[in-house]
Protein backbone atom coordinates (compact mmCIF):
# COMPACT_ATOMS: atom_id res chain seq x y z
CA MET A 1 -26.80 -93.51 -155.55
CA GLN A 2 -23.32 -94.86 -154.84
CA LYS A 3 -20.46 -93.05 -153.12
CA ARG A 4 -17.53 -92.76 -155.53
CA SER A 5 -14.63 -90.53 -156.43
CA LEU A 6 -14.54 -88.32 -159.50
CA CYS A 7 -12.07 -90.58 -161.32
CA ASP A 8 -14.52 -93.51 -161.05
CA LEU A 9 -16.96 -91.87 -163.48
CA ALA A 10 -16.96 -93.31 -166.99
CA PRO A 11 -17.53 -91.02 -169.98
CA GLY A 12 -21.19 -90.02 -170.03
CA GLU A 13 -21.75 -90.69 -166.32
CA ARG A 14 -22.87 -87.96 -163.97
CA GLY A 15 -22.48 -87.41 -160.25
CA THR A 16 -22.89 -84.80 -157.54
CA VAL A 17 -19.94 -83.54 -155.52
CA THR A 18 -20.28 -84.42 -151.82
CA ALA A 19 -16.84 -83.68 -150.33
CA LEU A 20 -13.19 -82.87 -151.05
CA THR A 21 -10.41 -84.78 -149.28
CA ALA A 22 -7.44 -83.02 -150.92
CA ASP A 23 -4.75 -81.15 -149.03
CA ALA A 24 -5.36 -77.42 -148.42
CA GLY A 25 -3.71 -76.12 -151.62
CA MET A 26 -5.43 -78.54 -154.00
CA ARG A 27 -8.70 -78.21 -152.10
CA ARG A 28 -8.66 -74.45 -152.70
CA ARG A 29 -7.96 -74.96 -156.44
CA LEU A 30 -10.80 -77.48 -156.77
CA LEU A 31 -13.22 -75.17 -154.97
CA ASP A 32 -12.13 -72.26 -157.18
CA ILE A 33 -12.92 -74.16 -160.38
CA GLY A 34 -16.35 -75.21 -159.12
CA PHE A 35 -16.04 -78.53 -157.27
CA ILE A 36 -18.36 -77.37 -154.51
CA PRO A 37 -20.52 -79.88 -152.60
CA GLY A 38 -23.93 -80.19 -154.24
CA THR A 39 -22.64 -79.37 -157.73
CA PRO A 40 -23.38 -81.82 -160.57
CA VAL A 41 -20.46 -82.99 -162.71
CA THR A 42 -20.34 -85.11 -165.89
CA CYS A 43 -17.38 -87.04 -167.27
CA ILE A 44 -17.19 -86.17 -170.96
CA GLY A 45 -14.09 -88.13 -171.93
CA ARG A 46 -10.64 -89.48 -171.13
CA SER A 47 -7.31 -89.04 -172.84
CA PRO A 48 -6.06 -92.02 -174.89
CA PHE A 49 -4.04 -93.35 -171.93
CA GLY A 50 -6.84 -92.63 -169.42
CA ASP A 51 -5.24 -89.71 -167.61
CA PRO A 52 -6.34 -86.93 -167.42
CA ALA A 53 -10.11 -87.02 -167.88
CA ALA A 54 -12.38 -84.14 -168.92
CA TYR A 55 -15.37 -83.13 -166.83
CA LEU A 56 -18.20 -80.70 -167.43
CA ILE A 57 -18.86 -78.64 -164.31
CA ARG A 58 -20.81 -75.39 -164.10
CA GLY A 59 -20.75 -75.01 -167.89
CA THR A 60 -16.96 -75.38 -168.17
CA VAL A 61 -14.85 -78.32 -169.29
CA ILE A 62 -12.02 -79.08 -166.85
CA ALA A 63 -9.25 -81.71 -167.20
CA ILE A 64 -8.36 -83.41 -163.92
CA ARG A 65 -5.64 -85.99 -163.25
CA LYS A 66 -6.63 -89.26 -161.55
CA LYS A 67 -4.44 -88.36 -158.59
CA ASP A 68 -6.54 -85.25 -157.94
CA GLY A 69 -9.84 -86.82 -159.02
CA ARG A 70 -9.55 -89.39 -156.24
CA THR A 71 -9.89 -86.55 -153.71
CA VAL A 72 -13.29 -85.45 -155.06
CA ARG A 73 -16.00 -87.58 -153.45
CA LEU A 74 -19.39 -87.78 -155.10
CA ASP A 75 -22.67 -89.59 -155.38
CA ARG A 76 -22.91 -91.21 -158.79
CA GLU A 77 -26.30 -90.76 -160.39
CA ALA A 78 -28.02 -93.32 -162.57
CA ASN A 79 -27.78 -92.44 -166.27
CA ARG A 80 -31.02 -91.02 -167.55
CA PRO A 81 -32.31 -91.45 -171.12
């Protein structure tokens, strides 16, 4: 597995949250919507201009801007058939 940020995932790729580096306010928001270390997350698509991107986490689709996605650190998992 490779260490990456959330915004590095391409559509269809999956990773596991390892850490949050956001400031206190954004960190709290990310934790509240499910970006908790150990949680799997899948990129399901990007807007036409690439920002924001949509992620599936804990059964919910969440749109996150690149600026905020860079603060979510994760291990990227190999795609499985």
